[in-house]
N, C-alpha and C. Protein backbone atom coordinates (compact mmCIF):
# COMPACT_ATOMS: atom_id res chain seq x y z
N MET A 1 37.74 -62.24 101.10
CA MET A 1 37.31 -61.91 99.76
C MET A 1 38.57 -61.63 98.93
N ASP A 2 38.64 -62.26 97.79
CA ASP A 2 39.83 -62.06 96.96
C ASP A 2 39.70 -60.80 96.11
N LYS A 3 40.79 -60.42 95.51
CA LYS A 3 40.88 -59.16 94.74
C LYS A 3 39.90 -59.13 93.56
N ARG A 4 39.72 -60.29 92.90
CA ARG A 4 38.82 -60.35 91.73
C ARG A 4 37.37 -60.10 92.11
N SER A 5 36.94 -60.67 93.21
CA SER A 5 35.54 -60.47 93.61
C SER A 5 35.30 -59.02 94.06
N VAL A 6 36.30 -58.39 94.68
CA VAL A 6 36.17 -56.98 95.04
C VAL A 6 36.06 -56.12 93.79
N ILE A 7 36.89 -56.40 92.80
CA ILE A 7 36.85 -55.66 91.54
C ILE A 7 35.51 -55.88 90.84
N ALA A 8 35.03 -57.12 90.84
CA ALA A 8 33.75 -57.43 90.20
C ALA A 8 32.60 -56.68 90.88
N ARG A 9 32.60 -56.63 92.21
CA ARG A 9 31.56 -55.91 92.93
C ARG A 9 31.64 -54.41 92.64
N CYS A 10 32.84 -53.88 92.62
CA CYS A 10 33.01 -52.45 92.32
C CYS A 10 32.51 -52.13 90.91
N LEU A 11 32.81 -52.98 89.96
CA LEU A 11 32.33 -52.77 88.59
C LEU A 11 30.80 -52.84 88.53
N GLY A 12 30.23 -53.77 89.28
CA GLY A 12 28.77 -53.89 89.32
C GLY A 12 28.12 -52.64 89.87
N VAL A 13 28.68 -52.10 90.96
CA VAL A 13 28.17 -50.87 91.55
C VAL A 13 28.30 -49.71 90.56
N LEU A 14 29.44 -49.63 89.89
CA LEU A 14 29.64 -48.56 88.90
C LEU A 14 28.63 -48.65 87.76
N LEU A 15 28.35 -49.86 87.30
CA LEU A 15 27.36 -50.04 86.22
C LEU A 15 25.97 -49.60 86.66
N VAL A 16 25.59 -49.95 87.88
CA VAL A 16 24.28 -49.53 88.40
C VAL A 16 24.22 -48.00 88.49
N LEU A 17 25.26 -47.40 89.03
CA LEU A 17 25.30 -45.95 89.14
C LEU A 17 25.26 -45.27 87.77
N ALA A 18 26.01 -45.80 86.83
CA ALA A 18 26.05 -45.22 85.48
C ALA A 18 24.69 -45.32 84.80
N SER A 19 24.02 -46.46 84.93
CA SER A 19 22.72 -46.61 84.27
C SER A 19 21.68 -45.70 84.91
N THR A 20 21.74 -45.54 86.24
CA THR A 20 20.81 -44.64 86.93
C THR A 20 21.06 -43.20 86.50
N SER A 21 22.32 -42.79 86.42
CA SER A 21 22.65 -41.43 86.00
C SER A 21 22.19 -41.17 84.58
N LEU A 22 22.37 -42.14 83.71
CA LEU A 22 21.94 -41.99 82.31
C LEU A 22 20.44 -41.81 82.24
N LYS A 23 19.68 -42.59 83.01
CA LYS A 23 18.23 -42.48 83.01
C LYS A 23 17.80 -41.08 83.49
N VAL A 24 18.41 -40.59 84.54
CA VAL A 24 18.08 -39.27 85.06
C VAL A 24 18.38 -38.20 84.02
N CYS A 25 19.53 -38.31 83.34
CA CYS A 25 19.89 -37.32 82.32
C CYS A 25 18.91 -37.34 81.16
N VAL A 26 18.52 -38.52 80.71
CA VAL A 26 17.58 -38.64 79.59
C VAL A 26 16.23 -38.07 79.99
N GLU A 27 15.75 -38.36 81.21
CA GLU A 27 14.47 -37.83 81.65
C GLU A 27 14.52 -36.31 81.75
N ALA A 28 15.60 -35.77 82.28
CA ALA A 28 15.74 -34.32 82.39
C ALA A 28 15.80 -33.68 81.02
N GLU A 29 16.51 -34.31 80.09
CA GLU A 29 16.61 -33.77 78.74
C GLU A 29 15.25 -33.78 78.06
N GLY A 30 14.47 -34.84 78.27
CA GLY A 30 13.13 -34.92 77.69
C GLY A 30 12.22 -33.83 78.23
N ALA A 31 12.31 -33.57 79.53
CA ALA A 31 11.49 -32.51 80.13
C ALA A 31 11.91 -31.15 79.60
N ALA A 32 13.21 -30.95 79.49
CA ALA A 32 13.70 -29.65 79.01
C ALA A 32 13.32 -29.42 77.56
N SER A 33 13.32 -30.47 76.74
CA SER A 33 13.04 -30.27 75.33
C SER A 33 11.59 -29.89 75.10
N SER A 34 10.68 -30.29 75.99
CA SER A 34 9.28 -29.88 75.81
C SER A 34 9.08 -28.42 76.19
N CYS A 35 10.04 -27.84 76.87
CA CYS A 35 9.98 -26.43 77.26
C CYS A 35 10.63 -25.54 76.20
N THR A 36 10.46 -25.89 74.96
CA THR A 36 10.95 -25.07 73.86
C THR A 36 9.78 -24.74 72.95
N ILE A 37 10.00 -23.83 72.05
CA ILE A 37 8.94 -23.45 71.12
C ILE A 37 8.52 -24.65 70.26
N TYR A 38 9.42 -25.64 70.13
CA TYR A 38 9.09 -26.83 69.34
C TYR A 38 8.04 -27.69 70.03
N GLY A 39 7.81 -27.47 71.33
CA GLY A 39 6.77 -28.20 72.04
C GLY A 39 5.38 -27.66 71.76
N ILE A 40 5.31 -26.49 71.13
CA ILE A 40 4.00 -25.89 70.83
C ILE A 40 3.95 -25.38 69.38
N THR A 41 4.48 -26.17 68.47
CA THR A 41 4.52 -25.76 67.06
C THR A 41 3.14 -25.55 66.46
N GLU A 42 2.14 -26.26 66.95
CA GLU A 42 0.78 -26.10 66.42
C GLU A 42 0.22 -24.71 66.75
N CYS A 43 0.87 -24.00 67.66
CA CYS A 43 0.39 -22.69 68.09
C CYS A 43 1.03 -21.53 67.35
N LEU A 44 2.00 -21.79 66.51
CA LEU A 44 2.75 -20.69 65.91
C LEU A 44 1.86 -19.73 65.11
N GLU A 45 0.82 -20.24 64.48
CA GLU A 45 -0.08 -19.36 63.73
C GLU A 45 -0.99 -18.55 64.65
N ASP A 46 -1.39 -19.14 65.78
CA ASP A 46 -2.34 -18.51 66.69
C ASP A 46 -1.67 -17.63 67.74
N ILE A 47 -0.41 -17.83 67.97
CA ILE A 47 0.25 -17.32 69.17
C ILE A 47 0.35 -15.80 69.23
N ASN A 48 0.43 -15.12 68.12
CA ASN A 48 0.58 -13.66 68.15
C ASN A 48 -0.73 -12.90 68.10
N SER A 49 -1.82 -13.61 68.04
CA SER A 49 -3.13 -12.96 68.04
C SER A 49 -3.65 -12.90 69.47
N TYR A 50 -4.01 -11.70 69.92
CA TYR A 50 -4.52 -11.56 71.29
C TYR A 50 -5.95 -12.07 71.43
N SER A 51 -6.69 -12.09 70.35
CA SER A 51 -8.11 -12.39 70.49
C SER A 51 -8.56 -13.67 69.79
N ALA A 52 -7.86 -14.12 68.79
CA ALA A 52 -8.32 -15.29 68.04
C ALA A 52 -8.36 -16.54 68.91
N GLN A 53 -9.40 -17.34 68.71
CA GLN A 53 -9.50 -18.62 69.42
C GLN A 53 -8.46 -19.57 68.82
N PRO A 54 -7.55 -20.10 69.63
CA PRO A 54 -6.53 -21.01 69.10
C PRO A 54 -7.15 -22.30 68.57
N SER A 55 -6.46 -22.95 67.67
CA SER A 55 -6.93 -24.21 67.11
C SER A 55 -6.95 -25.29 68.20
N GLN A 56 -7.71 -26.35 67.94
CA GLN A 56 -7.78 -27.46 68.89
C GLN A 56 -6.41 -28.11 69.06
N SER A 57 -5.65 -28.21 67.97
CA SER A 57 -4.33 -28.86 68.06
C SER A 57 -3.37 -28.00 68.88
N CYS A 58 -3.50 -26.68 68.77
CA CYS A 58 -2.68 -25.78 69.59
C CYS A 58 -3.04 -25.97 71.06
N CYS A 59 -4.32 -25.93 71.37
CA CYS A 59 -4.74 -26.07 72.77
C CYS A 59 -4.35 -27.44 73.33
N ALA A 60 -4.32 -28.46 72.48
CA ALA A 60 -3.87 -29.78 72.94
C ALA A 60 -2.40 -29.72 73.37
N GLU A 61 -1.59 -28.99 72.63
CA GLU A 61 -0.18 -28.85 73.01
C GLU A 61 -0.02 -28.03 74.28
N ILE A 62 -0.80 -26.96 74.41
CA ILE A 62 -0.77 -26.15 75.63
C ILE A 62 -1.23 -26.98 76.82
N PHE A 63 -2.29 -27.77 76.61
CA PHE A 63 -2.78 -28.65 77.68
C PHE A 63 -1.70 -29.65 78.08
N ALA A 64 -0.96 -30.19 77.12
CA ALA A 64 0.10 -31.14 77.43
C ALA A 64 1.17 -30.48 78.30
N LEU A 65 1.50 -29.22 78.01
CA LEU A 65 2.45 -28.49 78.86
C LEU A 65 1.84 -28.26 80.24
N GLU A 66 0.59 -27.82 80.28
CA GLU A 66 -0.07 -27.48 81.53
C GLU A 66 -0.24 -28.70 82.43
N SER A 67 -0.40 -29.88 81.84
CA SER A 67 -0.56 -31.08 82.67
C SER A 67 0.75 -31.50 83.31
N GLY A 68 1.81 -30.75 83.02
CA GLY A 68 3.11 -31.04 83.61
C GLY A 68 3.23 -30.62 85.05
N GLY A 69 2.16 -30.09 85.64
CA GLY A 69 2.19 -29.75 87.06
C GLY A 69 2.45 -28.27 87.31
N PRO A 70 2.87 -27.97 88.54
CA PRO A 70 3.00 -26.57 88.96
C PRO A 70 4.03 -25.78 88.16
N LYS A 71 4.99 -26.43 87.56
CA LYS A 71 6.03 -25.72 86.81
C LYS A 71 5.65 -25.52 85.35
N ALA A 72 4.43 -25.88 84.97
CA ALA A 72 4.02 -25.80 83.57
C ALA A 72 4.08 -24.38 83.03
N MET A 73 3.65 -23.41 83.82
CA MET A 73 3.69 -22.01 83.36
C MET A 73 5.14 -21.57 83.16
N ASP A 74 6.03 -22.03 84.04
CA ASP A 74 7.46 -21.73 83.87
C ASP A 74 7.96 -22.30 82.55
N CYS A 75 7.50 -23.50 82.23
CA CYS A 75 7.90 -24.17 80.98
C CYS A 75 7.41 -23.35 79.78
N LEU A 76 6.15 -22.95 79.80
CA LEU A 76 5.60 -22.14 78.70
C LEU A 76 6.36 -20.82 78.60
N CYS A 77 6.64 -20.21 79.73
CA CYS A 77 7.39 -18.95 79.74
C CYS A 77 8.76 -19.13 79.11
N THR A 78 9.45 -20.20 79.48
CA THR A 78 10.77 -20.49 78.90
C THR A 78 10.66 -20.65 77.39
N ALA A 79 9.63 -21.36 76.95
CA ALA A 79 9.46 -21.63 75.52
C ALA A 79 9.22 -20.35 74.72
N VAL A 80 8.34 -19.49 75.21
CA VAL A 80 7.93 -18.32 74.42
C VAL A 80 8.85 -17.12 74.56
N THR A 81 9.76 -17.16 75.51
CA THR A 81 10.70 -16.05 75.66
C THR A 81 12.11 -16.43 75.21
N SER A 82 12.25 -17.59 74.60
CA SER A 82 13.57 -18.05 74.16
C SER A 82 14.03 -17.31 72.90
N GLU A 83 15.29 -17.41 72.63
CA GLU A 83 15.86 -16.81 71.41
C GLU A 83 15.22 -17.44 70.17
N THR A 84 15.00 -18.75 70.22
CA THR A 84 14.37 -19.44 69.08
C THR A 84 12.97 -18.89 68.83
N ALA A 85 12.21 -18.69 69.90
CA ALA A 85 10.86 -18.13 69.75
C ALA A 85 10.93 -16.74 69.12
N ARG A 86 11.89 -15.96 69.55
CA ARG A 86 12.06 -14.62 68.97
C ARG A 86 12.33 -14.72 67.48
N LEU A 87 13.16 -15.68 67.08
CA LEU A 87 13.46 -15.86 65.65
C LEU A 87 12.22 -16.24 64.85
N TYR A 88 11.28 -16.94 65.51
CA TYR A 88 10.02 -17.30 64.85
C TYR A 88 9.02 -16.15 64.88
N GLY A 89 9.38 -15.04 65.51
CA GLY A 89 8.49 -13.89 65.57
C GLY A 89 7.44 -13.98 66.65
N VAL A 90 7.67 -14.79 67.66
CA VAL A 90 6.70 -14.97 68.73
C VAL A 90 6.66 -13.72 69.62
N ASN A 91 5.46 -13.23 69.86
CA ASN A 91 5.24 -12.12 70.76
C ASN A 91 4.96 -12.71 72.15
N PRO A 92 5.92 -12.62 73.08
CA PRO A 92 5.75 -13.26 74.39
C PRO A 92 4.52 -12.78 75.15
N LYS A 93 4.17 -11.49 75.04
CA LYS A 93 3.00 -10.97 75.76
C LYS A 93 1.72 -11.65 75.31
N SER A 94 1.61 -11.92 74.03
CA SER A 94 0.44 -12.63 73.52
C SER A 94 0.54 -14.12 73.85
N ALA A 95 1.71 -14.67 73.70
CA ALA A 95 1.92 -16.11 73.87
C ALA A 95 1.63 -16.59 75.28
N ILE A 96 1.97 -15.78 76.29
CA ILE A 96 1.72 -16.24 77.65
C ILE A 96 0.24 -16.27 78.00
N GLY A 97 -0.59 -15.70 77.14
CA GLY A 97 -2.04 -15.75 77.34
C GLY A 97 -2.68 -16.99 76.74
N MET A 98 -1.90 -17.85 76.12
CA MET A 98 -2.47 -19.02 75.46
C MET A 98 -3.25 -19.94 76.40
N PRO A 99 -2.78 -20.23 77.61
CA PRO A 99 -3.58 -21.10 78.47
C PRO A 99 -4.98 -20.55 78.72
N GLN A 100 -5.09 -19.26 78.99
CA GLN A 100 -6.40 -18.66 79.22
C GLN A 100 -7.25 -18.74 77.95
N ARG A 101 -6.65 -18.45 76.80
CA ARG A 101 -7.40 -18.48 75.53
C ARG A 101 -7.86 -19.89 75.19
N CYS A 102 -7.16 -20.90 75.72
CA CYS A 102 -7.56 -22.30 75.50
C CYS A 102 -8.52 -22.79 76.58
N GLY A 103 -8.87 -21.90 77.53
CA GLY A 103 -9.81 -22.29 78.57
C GLY A 103 -9.18 -23.09 79.69
N LEU A 104 -7.87 -23.01 79.84
CA LEU A 104 -7.18 -23.75 80.90
C LEU A 104 -6.99 -22.87 82.12
N PRO A 105 -6.93 -23.48 83.30
CA PRO A 105 -6.72 -22.67 84.50
C PRO A 105 -5.33 -22.04 84.50
N VAL A 106 -5.25 -20.83 85.00
CA VAL A 106 -3.98 -20.10 85.09
C VAL A 106 -3.68 -19.90 86.57
N PRO A 107 -2.46 -20.22 87.00
CA PRO A 107 -2.14 -20.03 88.42
C PRO A 107 -2.33 -18.58 88.86
N ARG A 108 -2.83 -18.40 90.05
CA ARG A 108 -3.05 -17.06 90.60
C ARG A 108 -1.73 -16.30 90.67
N HIS A 109 -1.75 -15.07 90.22
CA HIS A 109 -0.60 -14.17 90.22
C HIS A 109 0.59 -14.71 89.41
N ALA A 110 0.29 -15.43 88.35
CA ALA A 110 1.35 -15.97 87.48
C ALA A 110 2.09 -14.85 86.77
N VAL A 111 3.40 -14.98 86.71
CA VAL A 111 4.26 -13.98 86.08
C VAL A 111 5.25 -14.71 85.18
N CYS A 112 5.54 -14.10 84.03
CA CYS A 112 6.54 -14.63 83.10
C CYS A 112 7.49 -13.49 82.76
N ASN A 113 8.70 -13.57 83.23
CA ASN A 113 9.70 -12.51 82.98
C ASN A 113 9.12 -11.13 83.28
N SER A 114 8.53 -10.97 84.42
CA SER A 114 7.91 -9.74 84.93
C SER A 114 6.63 -9.33 84.19
N MET A 115 6.14 -10.15 83.28
CA MET A 115 4.86 -9.87 82.60
C MET A 115 3.76 -10.62 83.35
N LYS A 116 2.67 -9.93 83.66
CA LYS A 116 1.53 -10.59 84.30
C LYS A 116 0.85 -11.50 83.28
N VAL A 117 0.62 -12.75 83.67
CA VAL A 117 -0.02 -13.72 82.77
C VAL A 117 -1.53 -13.50 82.79
N PRO A 118 -2.14 -13.29 81.61
CA PRO A 118 -3.59 -13.10 81.55
C PRO A 118 -4.34 -14.27 82.19
N GLY A 119 -5.32 -13.92 83.00
CA GLY A 119 -6.12 -14.94 83.69
C GLY A 119 -5.61 -15.22 85.09
N GLY A 120 -4.43 -14.78 85.42
CA GLY A 120 -3.87 -15.04 86.74
C GLY A 120 -4.00 -13.85 87.69
N TRP A 121 -4.58 -12.77 87.19
CA TRP A 121 -4.69 -11.55 87.99
C TRP A 121 -6.13 -11.06 87.94
N PRO A 122 -6.67 -10.62 89.10
CA PRO A 122 -8.07 -10.14 89.12
C PRO A 122 -8.24 -8.86 88.33
């Protein structure tokens, strides 16, 4: 094998690795961005009320987070306890109750920053 073909193969491998890494980074960034208060903007009006029934559009956003699998509650917790959420005046104790208020299942013994999540405790 001559030097040019070795270099060409190495460049091909590097391109494959680079494109795979880029895809993984973009997917991770997309997942992380939904774990912000911007992922539940429809809930900002409902989020600080402990008793009000959230709007359908709010519950749709909460459902979209919840359909993310077992880490969905972690994602919601990250979103509502962030510095940005604090700047929007979000009350995390009320906000972590949104899945229950929307009628969604809450994982048993769910906790968010040492706060018991409503609906996850008997």
